[in-house]
Amino acid sequence: MGSTLASRALGRQLQKFRERADVSKNSAAKAAETSPQTYGRLEDGVKHNATNMQINALCDKLKVSDDERRLLLALGEEVRKERKSDGKWWRAYIDGTQVDFDHYLSLEQSALRKTTVQIGLLPGLLQTAAYRRQLAWSGHPTWTSEDVERRVTLLTIRQERLSDPDFEYETIIPEWLLRQRTGGPGVMGDQLRHLLTEGERPNVSIRVLPLDATDPIVGIASSFVLLEFGPLPFTKLIEPPVVFVEGFTGALYLETKDHLDPYKDALVRAQRVALDTTASNDLIRRVLRECYE
C-alpha cells in the first residue's frame, strides 16, 4: 500500500472548492462523468486514479482560478506517483518538481487530535511570535524581514486551531527546552508565560519530561507528530493517522501500521515518564523564576 497523502489533499481541496461554488456532489460527479459514489470516494481521498480530464472538468464546473486549477492538477499528478511510496513519503523542502502545497498544514487543519513529542524546539502551535522570529532568522539567515513576518503570520493562523473545542492537542517537551535561551531571557520568559496561558485551555495538554526521567525513549525516537482524524464524510471510514517527522531539509510522512507502531509505542513510554499537567506547570513556573526573572 502506498501513501494516501496527496489523495487526501486533493479530496479536501475539491470539497472546499465545491462547497464554495455551492455545487452538489451529484452535479460534480456528472461533470467528471463518474458516479456520485465514485466522486464521494474522490473527496474522501480513497480514490487514486483521477485523470487530468476529470480534474479539468471539475475545475470548469467549480469555476476555480487558474492558480487553483494548477494546484489541483499538480495534486492529481502527485496522487498518481504516491502509490509507489510504500506508505512512507519523504518530501524535500528544496525540490523544484513538487507541488507548492503545504501538506502538513492541510493535515493539521483537518485533524481531530494532534500529539507531539519535541526535543529540539518548542512546538509551533505554542510558540510566541518573538520565539518564532528567532528560529526563522537562525535557520534562514538570508531571509528578508518580509520573509520572516510571513512565517510569523502563518504561525498565527495555524494557532487558531487551538480555539476549536473539538480539536485536542497534547505535547511532551523535555525540561532542557525550557532552559535553552532561544532569543535570550526576555524572549524565553515571555515564551514560558505563554505556555502557562495556553495550557489553561481545556483541549490543550502540556507535559514536561523532567531532567531526571529514567527512560531515554524521547532522545532515541527524536521529535515527531501524531495526527489523528475522524470519519470521512462520504464513506464514513476513519481516516488513517499520520506520523510526521521533520528534518532540516525535508519531512517524512508515515501512514502504514508497521511504520506507525514504533512511534505510538514511543509515545506511550514518553507519557509514562512525563509529569502530569499540574506538575508540569509547577516546573515551568520554577524554571521561569530561576532563569528568566
C-alpha atoms as a PDB file:
ATOM      1  CA  MET A   1       0.000   0.000   0.000  1.00  0.00           C
ATOM      2  CA  GLY A   2       1.343   3.425  -0.922  1.00  0.00           C
ATOM      3  CA  SER A   3       0.874   6.801   0.665  1.00  0.00           C
ATOM      4  CA  THR A   4      -2.544   8.483   0.689  1.00  0.00           C
ATOM      5  CA  LEU A   5      -1.241  11.958   1.497  1.00  0.00           C
ATOM      6  CA  ALA A   6      -1.811  13.555  -1.907  1.00  0.00           C
ATOM      7  CA  SER A   7      -5.139  11.755  -2.339  1.00  0.00           C
ATOM      8  CA  ARG A   8      -6.398  13.259   0.895  1.00  0.00           C
ATOM      9  CA  ALA A   9      -5.140  16.703  -0.079  1.00  0.00           C
ATOM     10  CA  LEU A  10      -6.814  16.537  -3.483  1.00  0.00           C
ATOM     11  CA  GLY A  11     -10.083  15.414  -1.906  1.00  0.00           C
ATOM     12  CA  ARG A  12     -10.058  18.203   0.674  1.00  0.00           C
ATOM     13  CA  GLN A  13      -9.363  20.859  -1.960  1.00  0.00           C
ATOM     14  CA  LEU A  14     -12.137  19.562  -4.202  1.00  0.00           C
ATOM     15  CA  GLN A  15     -14.576  19.597  -1.286  1.00  0.00           C
ATOM     16  CA  LYS A  16     -13.507  23.135  -0.351  1.00  0.00           C
ATOM     17  CA  PHE A  17     -13.941  24.467  -3.905  1.00  0.00           C
ATOM     18  CA  ARG A  18     -17.217  22.569  -4.433  1.00  0.00           C
ATOM     19  CA  GLU A  19     -18.777  23.939  -1.252  1.00  0.00           C
ATOM     20  CA  ARG A  20     -17.558  27.437  -2.096  1.00  0.00           C
ATOM     21  CA  ALA A  21     -19.225  27.166  -5.522  1.00  0.00           C
ATOM     22  CA  ASP A  22     -22.424  25.758  -3.931  1.00  0.00           C
ATOM     23  CA  VAL A  23     -22.318  22.726  -6.230  1.00  0.00           C
ATOM     24  CA  SER A  24     -23.788  19.399  -5.101  1.00  0.00           C
ATOM     25  CA  LYS A  25     -21.807  16.175  -5.156  1.00  0.00           C
ATOM     26  CA  ASN A  26     -24.171  14.801  -7.778  1.00  0.00           C
ATOM     27  CA  SER A  27     -23.530  17.781 -10.061  1.00  0.00           C
ATOM     28  CA  ALA A  28     -19.773  17.482  -9.561  1.00  0.00           C
ATOM     29  CA  ALA A  29     -19.927  13.757 -10.315  1.00  0.00           C
ATOM     30  CA  LYS A  30     -21.849  14.462 -13.515  1.00  0.00           C
ATOM     31  CA  ALA A  31     -19.216  16.999 -14.603  1.00  0.00           C
ATOM     32  CA  ALA A  32     -16.475  14.437 -14.007  1.00  0.00           C
ATOM     33  CA  GLU A  33     -18.510  11.771 -15.858  1.00  0.00           C
ATOM     34  CA  THR A  34     -18.481   9.414 -12.911  1.00  0.00           C
ATOM     35  CA  SER A  35     -20.962   8.108 -10.352  1.00  0.00           C
ATOM     36  CA  PRO A  36     -21.801  10.027  -7.149  1.00  0.00           C
ATOM     37  CA  GLN A  37     -20.337   7.120  -5.182  1.00  0.00           C
ATOM     38  CA  THR A  38     -17.022   7.312  -7.035  1.00  0.00           C
ATOM     39  CA  TYR A  39     -16.906  11.078  -6.694  1.00  0.00           C
ATOM     40  CA  GLY A  40     -17.587  10.783  -2.953  1.00  0.00           C
ATOM     41  CA  ARG A  41     -14.612   8.452  -2.641  1.00  0.00           C
ATOM     42  CA  LEU A  42     -12.522  11.010  -4.540  1.00  0.00           C
ATOM     43  CA  GLU A  43     -13.350  13.725  -1.978  1.00  0.00           C
ATOM     44  CA  ASP A  44     -12.688  11.264   0.847  1.00  0.00           C
ATOM     45  CA  GLY A  45      -9.205  10.667  -0.567  1.00  0.00           C
ATOM     46  CA  VAL A  46      -9.678   6.931  -1.091  1.00  0.00           C
ATOM     47  CA  LYS A  47      -9.799   7.036  -4.909  1.00  0.00           C
ATOM     48  CA  HIS A  48      -6.389   7.200  -6.540  1.00  0.00           C
ATOM     49  CA  ASN A  49      -6.852   7.494 -10.300  1.00  0.00           C
ATOM     50  CA  ALA A  50      -8.488  10.833 -11.156  1.00  0.00           C
ATOM     51  CA  THR A  51      -7.443  11.807 -14.679  1.00  0.00           C
ATOM     52  CA  ASN A  52      -6.409  15.273 -15.813  1.00  0.00           C
ATOM     53  CA  MET A  53      -9.532  15.322 -17.990  1.00  0.00           C
ATOM     54  CA  GLN A  54     -11.734  14.728 -14.937  1.00  0.00           C
ATOM     55  CA  ILE A  55      -9.877  17.319 -12.860  1.00  0.00           C
ATOM     56  CA  ASN A  56     -10.130  19.911 -15.632  1.00  0.00           C
ATOM     57  CA  ALA A  57     -13.858  19.208 -15.997  1.00  0.00           C
ATOM     58  CA  LEU A  58     -14.299  19.707 -12.244  1.00  0.00           C
ATOM     59  CA  CYS A  59     -12.279  22.917 -12.394  1.00  0.00           C
ATOM     60  CA  ASP A  60     -14.633  24.236 -15.092  1.00  0.00           C
ATOM     61  CA  LYS A  61     -17.699  23.237 -13.080  1.00  0.00           C
ATOM     62  CA  LEU A  62     -16.405  24.731  -9.842  1.00  0.00           C
ATOM     63  CA  LYS A  63     -15.118  27.904 -11.545  1.00  0.00           C
ATOM     64  CA  VAL A  64     -11.747  27.800  -9.839  1.00  0.00           C
ATOM     65  CA  SER A  65      -8.974  30.287 -10.578  1.00  0.00           C
ATOM     66  CA  ASP A  66      -6.012  29.482 -12.828  1.00  0.00           C
ATOM     67  CA  ASP A  67      -3.771  29.055  -9.781  1.00  0.00           C
ATOM     68  CA  GLU A  68      -6.298  26.723  -8.158  1.00  0.00           C
ATOM     69  CA  ARG A  69      -6.539  24.678 -11.377  1.00  0.00           C
ATOM     70  CA  ARG A  70      -2.760  24.312 -11.450  1.00  0.00           C
ATOM     71  CA  LEU A  71      -2.814  23.225  -7.813  1.00  0.00           C
ATOM     72  CA  LEU A  72      -5.454  20.531  -8.408  1.00  0.00           C
ATOM     73  CA  LEU A  73      -3.668  19.220 -11.494  1.00  0.00           C
ATOM     74  CA  ALA A  74      -0.368  19.112  -9.606  1.00  0.00           C
ATOM     75  CA  LEU A  75      -2.004  17.241  -6.733  1.00  0.00           C
ATOM     76  CA  GLY A  76      -3.512  14.830  -9.253  1.00  0.00           C
ATOM     77  CA  GLU A  77      -0.005  14.159 -10.555  1.00  0.00           C
ATOM     78  CA  GLU A  78       1.232  13.536  -7.005  1.00  0.00           C
ATOM     79  CA  VAL A  79      -1.658  11.115  -6.475  1.00  0.00           C
ATOM     80  CA  ARG A  80      -0.538   9.064  -9.461  1.00  0.00           C
ATOM     81  CA  LYS A  81       3.017   8.901  -8.077  1.00  0.00           C
ATOM     82  CA  GLU A  82       2.315   8.336  -4.396  1.00  0.00           C
ATOM     83  CA  ARG A  83       1.157   4.734  -4.726  1.00  0.00           C
ATOM     84  CA  LYS A  84       4.781   3.721  -5.256  1.00  0.00           C
ATOM     85  CA  SER A  85       5.863   5.130  -1.903  1.00  0.00           C
ATOM     86  CA  ASP A  86       5.236   2.026   0.261  1.00  0.00           C
ATOM     87  CA  GLY A  87       3.349   4.038   2.879  1.00  0.00           C
ATOM     88  CA  LYS A  88       6.147   6.469   3.658  1.00  0.00           C
ATOM     89  CA  TRP A  89       6.845   9.647   1.775  1.00  0.00           C
ATOM     90  CA  TRP A  90       9.855  11.946   2.028  1.00  0.00           C
ATOM     91  CA  ARG A  91       9.244  15.445   0.703  1.00  0.00           C
ATOM     92  CA  ALA A  92      12.331  17.621   0.368  1.00  0.00           C
ATOM     93  CA  TYR A  93      11.861  21.303   1.071  1.00  0.00           C
ATOM     94  CA  ILE A  94      14.148  22.198  -1.830  1.00  0.00           C
ATOM     95  CA  ASP A  95      12.551  20.420  -4.772  1.00  0.00           C
ATOM     96  CA  GLY A  96      11.550  22.299  -7.898  1.00  0.00           C
ATOM     97  CA  THR A  97       9.284  19.455  -9.036  1.00  0.00           C
ATOM     98  CA  GLN A  98       6.987  19.266  -6.021  1.00  0.00           C
ATOM     99  CA  VAL A  99       3.620  20.979  -5.877  1.00  0.00           C
ATOM    100  CA  ASP A 100       3.537  24.247  -3.969  1.00  0.00           C
ATOM    101  CA  PHE A 101       1.180  22.899  -1.322  1.00  0.00           C
ATOM    102  CA  ASP A 102       1.605  22.609   2.425  1.00  0.00           C
ATOM    103  CA  HIS A 103       0.537  19.029   3.124  1.00  0.00           C
ATOM    104  CA  TYR A 104       1.315  19.341   6.815  1.00  0.00           C
ATOM    105  CA  LEU A 105      -0.896  22.408   7.221  1.00  0.00           C
ATOM    106  CA  SER A 106      -3.713  20.623   5.394  1.00  0.00           C
ATOM    107  CA  LEU A 107      -3.434  17.638   7.739  1.00  0.00           C
ATOM    108  CA  GLU A 108      -3.199  19.794  10.851  1.00  0.00           C
ATOM    109  CA  GLN A 109      -6.304  21.778   9.907  1.00  0.00           C
ATOM    110  CA  SER A 110      -8.386  18.608   9.461  1.00  0.00           C
ATOM    111  CA  ALA A 111      -7.051  16.524  12.375  1.00  0.00           C
ATOM    112  CA  LEU A 112      -9.205  15.992  15.449  1.00  0.00           C
ATOM    113  CA  ARG A 113      -6.231  15.180  17.668  1.00  0.00           C
ATOM    114  CA  LYS A 114      -2.569  16.140  17.485  1.00  0.00           C
ATOM    115  CA  THR A 115       0.121  14.736  19.767  1.00  0.00           C
ATOM    116  CA  THR A 116       3.719  15.912  19.596  1.00  0.00           C
ATOM    117  CA  VAL A 117       6.982  14.861  21.165  1.00  0.00           C
ATOM    118  CA  GLN A 118       9.565  17.632  20.863  1.00  0.00           C
ATOM    119  CA  ILE A 119      13.272  17.530  21.686  1.00  0.00           C
ATOM    120  CA  GLY A 120      14.824  20.407  19.724  1.00  0.00           C
ATOM    121  CA  LEU A 121      12.260  23.202  19.587  1.00  0.00           C
ATOM    122  CA  LEU A 122       9.065  24.152  21.355  1.00  0.00           C
ATOM    123  CA  PRO A 123       6.053  23.142  19.223  1.00  0.00           C
ATOM    124  CA  GLY A 124       4.784  25.622  16.646  1.00  0.00           C
ATOM    125  CA  LEU A 125       1.232  25.779  17.978  1.00  0.00           C
ATOM    126  CA  LEU A 126       2.624  27.090  21.271  1.00  0.00           C
ATOM    127  CA  GLN A 127       5.353  29.443  20.027  1.00  0.00           C
ATOM    128  CA  THR A 128       5.241  33.192  20.588  1.00  0.00           C
ATOM    129  CA  ALA A 129       5.904  35.475  17.622  1.00  0.00           C
ATOM    130  CA  ALA A 130       9.275  36.515  19.086  1.00  0.00           C
ATOM    131  CA  TYR A 131      10.364  32.899  19.579  1.00  0.00           C
ATOM    132  CA  ARG A 132       9.327  32.068  16.011  1.00  0.00           C
ATOM    133  CA  ARG A 133      11.240  35.055  14.622  1.00  0.00           C
ATOM    134  CA  GLN A 134      14.396  33.901  16.378  1.00  0.00           C
ATOM    135  CA  LEU A 135      14.032  30.422  14.857  1.00  0.00           C
ATOM    136  CA  ALA A 136      13.408  31.877  11.397  1.00  0.00           C
ATOM    137  CA  TRP A 137      16.481  34.116  11.498  1.00  0.00           C
ATOM    138  CA  SER A 138      18.667  31.289  12.847  1.00  0.00           C
ATOM    139  CA  GLY A 139      17.526  28.730  10.291  1.00  0.00           C
ATOM    140  CA  HIS A 140      17.411  31.119   7.329  1.00  0.00           C
ATOM    141  CA  PRO A 141      19.867  33.987   7.850  1.00  0.00           C
ATOM    142  CA  THR A 142      19.406  35.237   4.266  1.00  0.00           C
ATOM    143  CA  TRP A 143      15.652  35.760   4.625  1.00  0.00           C
ATOM    144  CA  THR A 144      14.318  39.288   4.479  1.00  0.00           C
ATOM    145  CA  SER A 145      12.165  40.795   7.223  1.00  0.00           C
ATOM    146  CA  GLU A 146       9.166  40.264   4.948  1.00  0.00           C
ATOM    147  CA  ASP A 147      10.012  36.554   4.610  1.00  0.00           C
ATOM    148  CA  VAL A 148      10.199  36.189   8.372  1.00  0.00           C
ATOM    149  CA  GLU A 149       6.959  38.055   9.030  1.00  0.00           C
ATOM    150  CA  ARG A 150       5.115  35.876   6.503  1.00  0.00           C
ATOM    151  CA  ARG A 151       6.137  32.840   8.551  1.00  0.00           C
ATOM    152  CA  VAL A 152       5.018  34.526  11.763  1.00  0.00           C
ATOM    153  CA  THR A 153       1.651  35.349  10.178  1.00  0.00           C
ATOM    154  CA  LEU A 154       1.241  31.743   9.024  1.00  0.00           C
ATOM    155  CA  LEU A 155       2.021  30.550  12.538  1.00  0.00           C
ATOM    156  CA  THR A 156      -0.641  32.858  13.958  1.00  0.00           C
ATOM    157  CA  ILE A 157      -3.191  31.410  11.528  1.00  0.00           C
ATOM    158  CA  ARG A 158      -2.195  27.860  12.489  1.00  0.00           C
ATOM    159  CA  GLN A 159      -2.596  28.649  16.180  1.00  0.00           C
ATOM    160  CA  GLU A 160      -6.267  29.477  15.635  1.00  0.00           C
ATOM    161  CA  ARG A 161      -6.760  25.697  15.577  1.00  0.00           C
ATOM    162  CA  LEU A 162      -6.396  25.677  19.354  1.00  0.00           C
ATOM    163  CA  SER A 163      -9.611  27.704  19.638  1.00  0.00           C
ATOM    164  CA  ASP A 164     -11.618  24.785  18.224  1.00  0.00           C
ATOM    165  CA  PRO A 165     -13.053  22.849  21.213  1.00  0.00           C
ATOM    166  CA  ASP A 166     -13.314  19.708  19.068  1.00  0.00           C
ATOM    167  CA  PHE A 167      -9.544  19.726  18.455  1.00  0.00           C
ATOM    168  CA  GLU A 168      -7.379  18.036  21.099  1.00  0.00           C
ATOM    169  CA  TYR A 169      -3.695  18.869  21.450  1.00  0.00           C
ATOM    170  CA  GLU A 170      -1.113  17.189  23.667  1.00  0.00           C
ATOM    171  CA  THR A 171       2.601  17.868  23.673  1.00  0.00           C
ATOM    172  CA  ILE A 172       5.506  16.388  25.601  1.00  0.00           C
ATOM    173  CA  ILE A 173       8.573  18.613  25.867  1.00  0.00           C
ATOM    174  CA  PRO A 174      11.828  17.975  27.760  1.00  0.00           C
ATOM    175  CA  GLU A 175      12.831  20.269  30.601  1.00  0.00           C
ATOM    176  CA  TRP A 176      16.022  21.289  28.830  1.00  0.00           C
ATOM    177  CA  LEU A 177      13.991  23.082  26.147  1.00  0.00           C
ATOM    178  CA  LEU A 178      12.568  25.327  28.857  1.00  0.00           C
ATOM    179  CA  ARG A 179      16.103  26.212  29.965  1.00  0.00           C
ATOM    180  CA  GLN A 180      17.528  26.748  26.470  1.00  0.00           C
ATOM    181  CA  ARG A 181      17.748  30.528  25.981  1.00  0.00           C
ATOM    182  CA  THR A 182      16.432  30.772  22.447  1.00  0.00           C
ATOM    183  CA  GLY A 183      16.367  34.500  21.711  1.00  0.00           C
ATOM    184  CA  GLY A 184      17.607  35.430  25.172  1.00  0.00           C
ATOM    185  CA  PRO A 185      15.955  35.637  28.611  1.00  0.00           C
ATOM    186  CA  GLY A 186      13.314  38.174  27.553  1.00  0.00           C
ATOM    187  CA  VAL A 187      12.053  36.040  24.682  1.00  0.00           C
ATOM    188  CA  MET A 188      12.140  32.852  26.742  1.00  0.00           C
ATOM    189  CA  GLY A 189      10.463  34.443  29.753  1.00  0.00           C
ATOM    190  CA  ASP A 190       7.528  35.519  27.597  1.00  0.00           C
ATOM    191  CA  GLN A 191       7.520  32.102  25.935  1.00  0.00           C
ATOM    192  CA  LEU A 192       7.213  30.230  29.223  1.00  0.00           C
ATOM    193  CA  ARG A 193       4.413  32.544  30.368  1.00  0.00           C
ATOM    194  CA  HIS A 194       2.688  31.822  27.070  1.00  0.00           C
ATOM    195  CA  LEU A 195       2.968  28.068  27.723  1.00  0.00           C
ATOM    196  CA  LEU A 196       1.266  28.539  31.074  1.00  0.00           C
ATOM    197  CA  THR A 197      -1.536  30.557  29.474  1.00  0.00           C
ATOM    198  CA  GLU A 198      -2.129  28.157  26.591  1.00  0.00           C
ATOM    199  CA  GLY A 199      -2.068  25.210  28.962  1.00  0.00           C
ATOM    200  CA  GLU A 200      -5.212  26.582  30.610  1.00  0.00           C
ATOM    201  CA  ARG A 201      -7.255  25.696  27.530  1.00  0.00           C
ATOM    202  CA  PRO A 202      -9.412  22.615  28.217  1.00  0.00           C
ATOM    203  CA  ASN A 203      -8.345  20.980  24.953  1.00  0.00           C
ATOM    204  CA  VAL A 204      -4.590  21.578  25.424  1.00  0.00           C
ATOM    205  CA  SER A 205      -2.267  19.376  27.492  1.00  0.00           C
ATOM    206  CA  ILE A 206       1.361  20.447  28.019  1.00  0.00           C
ATOM    207  CA  ARG A 207       3.500  17.868  29.801  1.00  0.00           C
ATOM    208  CA  VAL A 208       7.169  18.219  30.672  1.00  0.00           C
ATOM    209  CA  LEU A 209       9.737  15.432  30.682  1.00  0.00           C
ATOM    210  CA  PRO A 210      11.966  16.209  33.688  1.00  0.00           C
ATOM    211  CA  LEU A 211      15.742  16.058  33.525  1.00  0.00           C
ATOM    212  CA  ASP A 212      15.768  13.055  35.868  1.00  0.00           C
ATOM    213  CA  ALA A 213      13.436  10.936  33.706  1.00  0.00           C
ATOM    214  CA  THR A 214      14.926   7.447  33.518  1.00  0.00           C
ATOM    215  CA  ASP A 215      13.560   6.273  30.149  1.00  0.00           C
ATOM    216  CA  PRO A 216      15.623   7.786  27.276  1.00  0.00           C
ATOM    217  CA  ILE A 217      12.960   6.983  24.660  1.00  0.00           C
ATOM    218  CA  VAL A 218      12.388  10.649  23.720  1.00  0.00           C
ATOM    219  CA  GLY A 219      16.031  11.094  22.804  1.00  0.00           C
ATOM    220  CA  ILE A 220      16.010   7.833  20.861  1.00  0.00           C
ATOM    221  CA  ALA A 221      12.770   8.477  18.954  1.00  0.00           C
ATOM    222  CA  SER A 222      13.524  12.176  18.412  1.00  0.00           C
ATOM    223  CA  SER A 223      10.764  14.708  17.614  1.00  0.00           C
ATOM    224  CA  PHE A 224       7.596  13.549  15.876  1.00  0.00           C
ATOM    225  CA  VAL A 225       3.929  14.442  15.444  1.00  0.00           C
ATOM    226  CA  LEU A 226       0.976  12.026  15.500  1.00  0.00           C
ATOM    227  CA  LEU A 227      -2.124  13.332  13.712  1.00  0.00           C
ATOM    228  CA  GLU A 228      -5.437  11.503  14.173  1.00  0.00           C
ATOM    229  CA  PHE A 229      -8.677  12.096  12.290  1.00  0.00           C
ATOM    230  CA  GLY A 230     -12.412  11.455  12.402  1.00  0.00           C
ATOM    231  CA  PRO A 231     -14.721   9.630   9.966  1.00  0.00           C
ATOM    232  CA  LEU A 232     -14.643  10.577   6.303  1.00  0.00           C
ATOM    233  CA  PRO A 233     -17.729  12.469   5.046  1.00  0.00           C
ATOM    234  CA  PHE A 234     -18.836  10.031   2.336  1.00  0.00           C
ATOM    235  CA  THR A 235     -17.561   6.547   3.196  1.00  0.00           C
ATOM    236  CA  LYS A 236     -17.686   7.125   6.989  1.00  0.00           C
ATOM    237  CA  LEU A 237     -14.413   5.227   7.286  1.00  0.00           C
ATOM    238  CA  ILE A 238     -11.971   6.538   9.893  1.00  0.00           C
ATOM    239  CA  GLU A 239      -9.244   8.444   8.096  1.00  0.00           C
ATOM    240  CA  PRO A 240      -5.872   6.784   8.833  1.00  0.00           C
ATOM    241  CA  PRO A 241      -3.485   8.537  11.239  1.00  0.00           C
ATOM    242  CA  VAL A 242      -0.217  10.068  10.056  1.00  0.00           C
ATOM    243  CA  VAL A 243       3.143  10.433  11.774  1.00  0.00           C
ATOM    244  CA  PHE A 244       5.139  13.468  10.665  1.00  0.00           C
ATOM    245  CA  VAL A 245       8.902  13.601  11.239  1.00  0.00           C
ATOM    246  CA  GLU A 246      10.587  16.851  10.266  1.00  0.00           C
ATOM    247  CA  GLY A 247      14.226  17.162   9.233  1.00  0.00           C
ATOM    248  CA  PHE A 248      16.386  20.145   8.349  1.00  0.00           C
ATOM    249  CA  THR A 249      15.920  19.686   4.587  1.00  0.00           C
ATOM    250  CA  GLY A 250      12.579  17.920   4.378  1.00  0.00           C
ATOM    251  CA  ALA A 251       9.870  15.930   6.099  1.00  0.00           C
ATOM    252  CA  LEU A 252       8.840  12.286   6.315  1.00  0.00           C
ATOM    253  CA  TYR A 253       5.174  11.253   6.363  1.00  0.00           C
ATOM    254  CA  LEU A 254       4.384   7.740   7.659  1.00  0.00           C
ATOM    255  CA  GLU A 255       0.996   6.063   7.221  1.00  0.00           C
ATOM    256  CA  THR A 256       1.164   2.258   7.461  1.00  0.00           C
ATOM    257  CA  LYS A 257       0.770   0.292  10.695  1.00  0.00           C
ATOM    258  CA  ASP A 258       4.321  -1.065  10.568  1.00  0.00           C
ATOM    259  CA  HIS A 259       5.685   2.478  10.356  1.00  0.00           C
ATOM    260  CA  LEU A 260       3.292   3.969  12.910  1.00  0.00           C
ATOM    261  CA  ASP A 261       3.522   1.369  15.674  1.00  0.00           C
ATOM    262  CA  PRO A 262       7.093   2.199  16.836  1.00  0.00           C
ATOM    263  CA  TYR A 263       6.128   5.859  17.242  1.00  0.00           C
ATOM    264  CA  LYS A 264       2.917   5.013  19.072  1.00  0.00           C
ATOM    265  CA  ASP A 265       4.941   2.819  21.423  1.00  0.00           C
ATOM    266  CA  ALA A 266       7.471   5.634  21.943  1.00  0.00           C
ATOM    267  CA  LEU A 267       4.601   7.997  22.744  1.00  0.00           C
ATOM    268  CA  VAL A 268       3.166   5.650  25.386  1.00  0.00           C
ATOM    269  CA  ARG A 269       6.595   5.317  27.011  1.00  0.00           C
ATOM    270  CA  ALA A 270       7.104   9.095  26.971  1.00  0.00           C
ATOM    271  CA  GLN A 271       3.686   9.634  28.557  1.00  0.00           C
ATOM    272  CA  ARG A 272       4.601   7.244  31.370  1.00  0.00           C
ATOM    273  CA  VAL A 273       7.640   9.262  32.454  1.00  0.00           C
ATOM    274  CA  ALA A 274       6.372  12.779  31.694  1.00  0.00           C
ATOM    275  CA  LEU A 275       4.936  14.871  34.515  1.00  0.00           C
ATOM    276  CA  ASP A 276       1.191  15.414  34.616  1.00  0.00           C
ATOM    277  CA  THR A 277      -0.118  18.838  33.612  1.00  0.00           C
ATOM    278  CA  THR A 278      -0.220  20.222  37.156  1.00  0.00           C
ATOM    279  CA  ALA A 279       3.340  19.176  37.974  1.00  0.00           C
ATOM    280  CA  SER A 280       4.443  20.389  34.537  1.00  0.00           C
ATOM    281  CA  ASN A 281       3.008  23.844  35.206  1.00  0.00           C
ATOM    282  CA  ASP A 282       4.808  23.927  38.549  1.00  0.00           C
ATOM    283  CA  LEU A 283       8.085  23.061  36.823  1.00  0.00           C
ATOM    284  CA  ILE A 284       7.567  25.703  34.120  1.00  0.00           C
ATOM    285  CA  ARG A 285       6.992  28.330  36.846  1.00  0.00           C
ATOM    286  CA  ARG A 286      10.111  27.203  38.700  1.00  0.00           C
ATOM    287  CA  VAL A 287      12.270  27.441  35.569  1.00  0.00           C
ATOM    288  CA  LEU A 288      10.756  30.847  34.849  1.00  0.00           C
ATOM    289  CA  ARG A 289      11.755  32.106  38.319  1.00  0.00           C
ATOM    290  CA  GLU A 290      15.207  30.533  38.238  1.00  0.00           C
ATOM    291  CA  CYS A 291      16.239  31.515  34.721  1.00  0.00           C
ATOM    292  CA  TYR A 292      14.209  34.408  33.345  1.00  0.00           C
ATOM    293  CA  GLU A 293      13.068  36.689  36.189  1.00  0.00           C
END
